[in-house]
Amino acid sequence: MSNAPVVAAVDGSEHSLDALEWARTAALRHGTGLVVAHVLPDTSQLYAARRSSLADRSQPEQYADPVGDQVRGILAKAPELPDEVRYDALEGSVPEGLRVSAEGARMLVMGSRGHGGFAALLIGSNSRALASTAACPVVVVPHAARRAPEASADSAEPSSGRVVLGLHAAETADDVLAFAFAEGAARGTTVQVVSAYAIPPAPTTVVDSPFQVIPPEGLADDGDAVPAEREMLRSQTERLAPFRARWPQVPVEQAAVPGDPAERLVTASRSAALVVVGRHHPRRSVGPLMMGSVAHAVLHHAHGPVVVVPTLSDDA
């Protein structure tokens, strides 16, 4: 997958253009190509089918594609482009067309809502469908109203915020951890690992209080941490060891926190460049069509970009 392209889904909406910019910088960061995918509206697809079936040579061969013209204009003004950029006009339904386009991609990048979305919706049906079913990681870039004040669509700068990884040491698939560490390496930034437990550490602890971040070298067994927290940090350390060895240049911070894991990740998303979550536990889901409750909640409520990573390897 090292040379696999980044795919940006566009429909001309402001949300999708934010996703296009995020995808452009991601492709540059990873040194790969950029594919801009647009599923043509029904009117254009019907026109193409009618012209083909009637063989009406009096009609123009090409149907109007204003989104393609808009994308080309935006990319022409971009400060830098990947070496390979391709625009694909697709037919079929939006989820199916994008699923096919993103097969084998490094990631598919989408806006949280497209044209025709209700303003009250936190995430559109197409974004939700692709995050639940696509064969590659799906990044959802939230619209401006959902972003934290300090967050932006993204930056090409390599130090643009930490990568936050939601980790259940016993259940999160290796592909999820590998994606987070590869993203941290590409950005030159820290991977902050967040795990949550239900037992409060002490009667005086407030669940909504900020959690403590601990570097791996600070895990000396001094007995101050409560057993649940201490055991979770140990489990994290053991689980992270092969990935730290593979990406030694990536700084790691570990946090074991009381409370709901989705709530903690949503809070962390306010200052994160990207939140990484697994789609589901590979041995608990029924086929590839299910998305876990944590991924679902984070996708709907995060204040910055979220990537939902499926189980990619056969032996996961």
Protein backbone atom coordinates (compact mmCIF):
# COMPACT_ATOMS: atom_id res chain seq x y z
CA MET A 1 0.00 0.00 0.00
CA SER A 2 3.06 2.29 0.13
CA ASN A 3 2.39 3.64 -3.39
CA ALA A 4 -1.39 3.55 -3.12
CA PRO A 5 -3.05 6.90 -3.87
CA VAL A 6 -5.10 9.11 -1.61
CA VAL A 7 -8.65 9.37 -2.94
CA ALA A 8 -10.70 12.53 -2.34
CA ALA A 9 -14.47 12.34 -2.78
CA VAL A 10 -15.92 15.59 -4.14
CA ASP A 11 -19.37 16.81 -5.13
CA GLY A 12 -18.73 20.55 -5.33
CA SER A 13 -19.97 21.28 -1.80
CA GLU A 14 -17.88 23.29 0.64
CA HIS A 15 -17.50 20.19 2.82
CA SER A 16 -16.07 18.14 -0.03
CA LEU A 17 -13.66 20.93 -1.02
CA ASP A 18 -12.32 20.92 2.54
CA ALA A 19 -11.79 17.18 2.09
CA LEU A 20 -10.01 17.80 -1.22
CA GLU A 21 -7.53 20.15 0.44
CA TRP A 22 -6.97 17.66 3.27
CA ALA A 23 -6.38 14.90 0.73
CA ARG A 24 -3.98 17.03 -1.33
CA THR A 25 -1.74 17.66 1.68
CA ALA A 26 -2.01 14.02 2.76
CA ALA A 27 -0.84 12.84 -0.66
CA LEU A 28 2.11 15.23 -0.52
CA ARG A 29 2.93 14.14 3.02
CA HIS A 30 2.99 10.46 2.07
CA GLY A 31 4.62 11.00 -1.33
CA THR A 32 1.81 9.33 -3.25
CA GLY A 33 -0.69 10.17 -5.98
CA LEU A 34 -4.03 11.93 -5.62
CA VAL A 35 -7.26 10.70 -7.20
CA VAL A 36 -10.22 13.10 -7.14
CA ALA A 37 -13.42 11.07 -7.47
CA HIS A 38 -16.82 12.53 -8.32
CA VAL A 39 -19.96 10.46 -8.76
CA LEU A 40 -21.92 12.16 -11.51
CA PRO A 41 -25.46 13.29 -10.70
CA ASP A 42 -28.37 11.27 -12.03
CA THR A 43 -29.08 13.78 -14.79
CA SER A 44 -25.61 13.38 -16.26
CA GLN A 45 -25.76 9.61 -16.00
CA LEU A 46 -29.16 9.53 -17.70
CA TYR A 47 -27.88 11.79 -20.49
CA ALA A 48 -24.92 9.50 -21.12
CA ALA A 49 -27.15 6.43 -21.14
CA ARG A 50 -29.66 8.06 -23.51
CA ARG A 51 -27.01 9.20 -25.96
CA SER A 52 -25.43 5.75 -25.93
CA SER A 53 -28.69 3.88 -26.44
CA LEU A 54 -30.04 6.18 -29.17
CA ALA A 55 -26.67 6.76 -30.87
CA ASP A 56 -27.75 10.36 -31.34
CA ARG A 57 -24.71 11.94 -33.00
CA SER A 58 -26.35 15.35 -32.97
CA GLN A 59 -25.80 15.54 -29.21
CA PRO A 60 -22.43 16.51 -27.71
CA GLU A 61 -20.24 13.57 -26.78
CA GLN A 62 -19.39 15.06 -23.41
CA TYR A 63 -22.01 15.95 -20.83
CA ALA A 64 -21.51 18.98 -18.64
CA ASP A 65 -19.43 18.33 -15.52
CA PRO A 66 -19.21 21.59 -13.55
CA VAL A 67 -17.69 19.82 -10.56
CA GLY A 68 -14.79 18.62 -12.72
CA ASP A 69 -14.23 22.15 -13.98
CA GLN A 70 -14.35 23.46 -10.40
CA VAL A 71 -11.84 20.90 -9.17
CA ARG A 72 -9.41 21.58 -12.01
CA GLY A 73 -9.60 25.31 -11.27
CA ILE A 74 -8.89 24.76 -7.57
CA LEU A 75 -5.97 22.44 -8.21
CA ALA A 76 -4.51 24.84 -10.76
CA LYS A 77 -4.20 27.42 -7.96
CA ALA A 78 -2.79 25.03 -5.36
CA PRO A 79 0.70 25.89 -4.08
CA GLU A 80 1.92 22.32 -4.66
CA LEU A 81 0.53 19.15 -6.16
CA PRO A 82 1.50 15.47 -5.96
CA ASP A 83 3.42 14.15 -8.94
CA GLU A 84 0.34 12.27 -10.13
CA VAL A 85 -3.16 13.75 -10.01
CA ARG A 86 -6.18 12.19 -11.66
CA TYR A 87 -9.83 13.19 -11.85
CA ASP A 88 -12.39 10.39 -12.16
CA ALA A 89 -16.03 11.00 -13.09
CA LEU A 90 -17.92 7.96 -11.81
CA GLU A 91 -21.32 6.45 -12.47
CA GLY A 92 -23.64 4.52 -10.19
CA SER A 93 -24.71 5.30 -6.63
CA VAL A 94 -22.43 7.49 -4.55
CA PRO A 95 -21.43 4.82 -1.97
CA GLU A 96 -20.88 2.11 -4.57
CA GLY A 97 -19.00 4.36 -6.99
CA LEU A 98 -16.65 5.59 -4.27
CA ARG A 99 -16.15 2.10 -2.83
CA VAL A 100 -14.96 0.88 -6.22
CA SER A 101 -12.75 3.95 -6.76
CA ALA A 102 -11.13 3.55 -3.34
CA GLU A 103 -10.28 -0.14 -3.63
CA GLY A 104 -6.59 -0.47 -2.83
CA ALA A 105 -6.27 3.22 -1.87
CA ARG A 106 -4.14 4.43 1.03
CA MET A 107 -7.22 6.26 2.29
CA LEU A 108 -10.50 7.76 1.12
CA VAL A 109 -11.08 11.34 2.29
CA MET A 110 -14.62 12.73 2.53
CA GLY A 111 -16.42 15.76 3.91
CA SER A 112 -18.84 15.15 6.75
CA ARG A 113 -21.77 16.24 4.59
CA GLY A 114 -22.36 16.87 0.91
CA HIS A 115 -24.95 18.65 -1.15
CA GLY A 116 -28.49 18.26 0.09
CA GLY A 117 -27.56 17.40 3.68
CA PHE A 118 -29.76 18.67 6.48
CA ALA A 119 -27.98 21.33 8.53
CA ALA A 120 -28.79 19.51 11.78
CA LEU A 121 -27.06 16.29 10.71
CA LEU A 122 -23.61 15.75 12.19
CA ILE A 123 -22.57 13.43 9.39
CA GLY A 124 -24.12 12.62 6.03
CA SER A 125 -25.42 9.22 4.99
CA ASN A 126 -22.74 8.71 2.32
CA SER A 127 -19.88 9.45 4.75
CA ARG A 128 -21.38 7.10 7.29
CA ALA A 129 -21.93 4.36 4.69
CA LEU A 130 -18.37 4.54 3.35
CA ALA A 131 -16.83 4.65 6.83
CA SER A 132 -18.77 1.47 7.60
CA THR A 133 -18.04 -0.48 4.43
CA ALA A 134 -15.03 0.77 2.43
CA ALA A 135 -12.09 -1.58 2.05
CA CYS A 136 -9.59 1.18 2.89
CA PRO A 137 -9.29 3.66 5.78
CA VAL A 138 -11.87 6.47 5.51
CA VAL A 139 -11.05 9.99 6.72
CA VAL A 140 -14.03 12.22 7.47
CA VAL A 141 -13.22 15.94 7.66
CA PRO A 142 -15.85 17.80 9.71
CA HIS A 143 -17.52 20.94 8.45
CA ALA A 144 -16.49 24.30 9.89
CA ALA A 145 -19.34 24.51 12.43
CA ARG A 146 -18.12 21.34 14.14
CA ARG A 147 -14.44 22.23 14.35
CA ALA A 148 -12.91 23.40 17.58
CA PRO A 149 -11.81 27.09 17.45
CA GLU A 150 -8.14 26.12 17.23
CA ALA A 151 -8.71 23.45 14.57
CA SER A 152 -8.49 23.92 10.82
CA ALA A 153 -9.08 21.75 7.76
CA ASP A 154 -5.43 20.70 7.95
CA SER A 155 -1.99 21.94 7.08
CA ALA A 156 0.79 20.63 4.89
CA GLU A 157 3.22 21.41 7.72
CA PRO A 158 4.58 18.18 9.22
CA SER A 159 4.09 19.33 12.83
CA SER A 160 0.41 20.22 12.55
CA GLY A 161 -0.83 18.62 15.79
CA ARG A 162 -0.60 15.18 17.33
CA VAL A 163 -2.20 11.97 16.09
CA VAL A 164 -4.59 10.52 18.68
CA LEU A 165 -5.06 6.75 18.69
CA GLY A 166 -8.01 5.15 20.46
CA LEU A 167 -6.67 1.83 21.76
CA HIS A 168 -8.24 -1.19 23.38
CA ALA A 169 -5.08 -3.21 23.97
CA ALA A 170 -6.77 -6.60 23.61
CA GLU A 171 -9.08 -5.76 20.70
CA THR A 172 -7.75 -3.03 18.43
CA ALA A 173 -6.39 -4.56 15.20
CA ASP A 174 -2.74 -4.14 14.21
CA ASP A 175 -3.80 -2.26 11.07
CA VAL A 176 -5.22 0.54 13.22
CA LEU A 177 -2.00 0.97 15.19
CA ALA A 178 0.11 0.79 12.03
CA PHE A 179 -1.97 3.52 10.40
CA ALA A 180 -1.56 5.81 13.43
CA PHE A 181 2.22 5.32 13.62
CA ALA A 182 2.67 5.76 9.86
CA GLU A 183 0.67 8.98 10.04
CA GLY A 184 2.70 10.19 13.00
CA ALA A 185 5.93 9.45 11.10
CA ALA A 186 4.71 11.25 7.97
CA ARG A 187 3.70 14.29 10.01
CA GLY A 188 6.76 14.25 12.25
CA THR A 189 4.52 14.43 15.29
CA THR A 190 3.54 12.56 18.45
CA VAL A 191 1.12 9.66 18.64
CA GLN A 192 -1.00 10.02 21.76
CA VAL A 193 -2.54 6.70 22.79
CA VAL A 194 -5.81 6.97 24.73
CA SER A 195 -7.48 4.04 26.49
CA ALA A 196 -10.45 4.35 28.85
CA TYR A 197 -11.64 2.25 31.77
CA ALA A 198 -14.91 2.29 33.71
CA ILE A 199 -13.53 2.19 37.26
CA PRO A 200 -12.84 5.67 38.73
CA PRO A 201 -9.28 5.97 40.10
CA ALA A 202 -10.37 7.53 43.39
CA PRO A 203 -13.57 8.81 45.08
CA THR A 204 -12.44 12.42 44.62
CA THR A 205 -11.61 12.12 40.92
CA VAL A 206 -13.96 13.92 38.55
CA VAL A 207 -14.47 12.06 35.30
CA ASP A 208 -14.60 15.28 33.28
CA SER A 209 -11.21 16.43 34.57
CA PRO A 210 -8.29 16.54 32.07
CA PHE A 211 -6.48 13.24 31.79
CA GLN A 212 -2.79 12.77 32.48
CA VAL A 213 -0.49 11.94 29.58
CA ILE A 214 2.47 9.72 30.42
CA PRO A 215 5.50 9.03 28.21
CA PRO A 216 6.55 5.36 28.11
CA GLU A 217 9.72 6.03 30.10
CA GLY A 218 7.60 7.47 32.92
CA LEU A 219 5.86 4.21 33.78
CA ALA A 220 7.98 3.32 36.81
CA ASP A 221 6.00 1.11 39.17
CA ASP A 222 5.86 3.50 42.11
CA GLY A 223 2.48 2.28 43.31
CA ASP A 224 0.81 5.70 43.01
CA ALA A 225 -1.52 4.74 40.14
CA VAL A 226 -4.69 2.79 40.88
CA PRO A 227 -4.59 -0.87 39.78
CA ALA A 228 -6.92 -0.36 36.78
CA GLU A 229 -4.89 2.55 35.46
CA ARG A 230 -1.55 0.85 36.10
CA GLU A 231 -2.62 -2.36 34.40
CA MET A 232 -4.01 -0.49 31.40
CA LEU A 233 -0.76 1.43 30.96
CA ARG A 234 1.20 -1.83 31.16
CA SER A 235 -1.08 -3.40 28.56
CA GLN A 236 -0.65 -0.37 26.32
CA THR A 237 3.13 -0.53 26.62
CA GLU A 238 3.22 -4.21 25.71
CA ARG A 239 0.83 -3.73 22.80
CA LEU A 240 2.73 -0.73 21.44
CA ALA A 241 6.21 -2.27 21.68
CA PRO A 242 6.46 -3.70 18.12
CA PHE A 243 5.13 -0.49 16.60
CA ARG A 244 7.56 1.69 18.58
CA ALA A 245 10.34 -0.59 17.34
CA ARG A 246 9.16 -0.22 13.73
CA TRP A 247 8.76 3.57 13.99
CA PRO A 248 11.41 4.59 16.57
CA GLN A 249 11.31 8.20 15.36
CA VAL A 250 7.69 8.64 16.48
CA PRO A 251 7.28 10.05 20.02
CA VAL A 252 4.59 8.27 22.02
CA GLU A 253 2.40 9.53 24.87
CA GLN A 254 0.18 7.15 26.80
CA ALA A 255 -3.03 8.00 28.64
CA ALA A 256 -5.22 5.66 30.66
CA VAL A 257 -8.35 7.54 31.65
CA PRO A 258 -11.62 6.86 33.46
CA GLY A 259 -14.87 7.31 31.61
CA ASP A 260 -16.38 6.62 28.23
CA PRO A 261 -13.77 6.01 25.49
CA ALA A 262 -15.72 7.83 22.78
CA GLU A 263 -16.21 10.87 25.00
CA ARG A 264 -12.50 10.99 25.78
CA LEU A 265 -11.55 10.74 22.10
CA VAL A 266 -14.02 13.47 21.15
CA THR A 267 -12.43 15.72 23.79
CA ALA A 268 -8.95 14.91 22.47
CA SER A 269 -10.09 15.72 18.93
CA ARG A 270 -10.25 19.43 19.80
CA SER A 271 -6.47 19.72 19.55
CA ALA A 272 -5.59 16.72 17.38
CA ALA A 273 -4.57 16.73 13.74
CA LEU A 274 -6.26 13.33 13.36
CA VAL A 275 -8.10 10.84 15.55
CA VAL A 276 -7.56 7.18 14.57
CA VAL A 277 -10.13 4.54 15.50
CA GLY A 278 -10.75 0.97 14.41
CA ARG A 279 -13.95 0.17 12.58
CA HIS A 280 -14.72 -2.86 14.74
CA HIS A 281 -13.24 -5.82 16.51
CA PRO A 282 -12.35 -8.22 13.66
CA ARG A 283 -13.56 -11.32 15.50
CA ARG A 284 -16.78 -9.86 16.87
CA SER A 285 -18.37 -8.31 13.81
CA VAL A 286 -20.63 -10.14 11.39
CA GLY A 287 -18.89 -9.47 8.10
CA PRO A 288 -17.42 -6.10 7.07
CA LEU A 289 -20.66 -4.10 7.29
CA MET A 290 -20.64 -3.25 10.99
CA MET A 291 -19.02 -0.30 12.76
CA GLY A 292 -18.39 -0.35 16.48
CA SER A 293 -20.11 2.02 18.88
CA VAL A 294 -16.91 3.94 19.71
CA ALA A 295 -16.05 4.57 16.06
CA HIS A 296 -19.67 5.53 15.37
CA ALA A 297 -19.80 8.04 18.23
CA VAL A 298 -16.40 9.61 17.50
CA LEU A 299 -17.26 9.92 13.80
CA HIS A 300 -20.47 11.78 14.64
CA HIS A 301 -19.14 14.13 17.33
CA ALA A 302 -15.41 14.77 16.82
CA HIS A 303 -14.19 18.34 16.37
CA GLY A 304 -11.48 17.44 13.85
CA PRO A 305 -10.67 14.85 11.18
CA VAL A 306 -11.32 11.21 12.10
CA VAL A 307 -10.08 8.13 10.26
CA VAL A 308 -11.94 4.85 10.59
CA VAL A 309 -9.55 1.99 9.83
CA PRO A 310 -10.90 -1.43 8.84
CA THR A 311 -9.08 -4.69 9.35
CA LEU A 312 -6.91 -4.78 6.25
CA SER A 313 -4.75 -7.87 6.77
CA ASP A 314 -6.14 -11.36 6.28
CA ASP A 315 -4.73 -12.73 9.51
CA ALA A 316 -5.95 -9.95 11.80
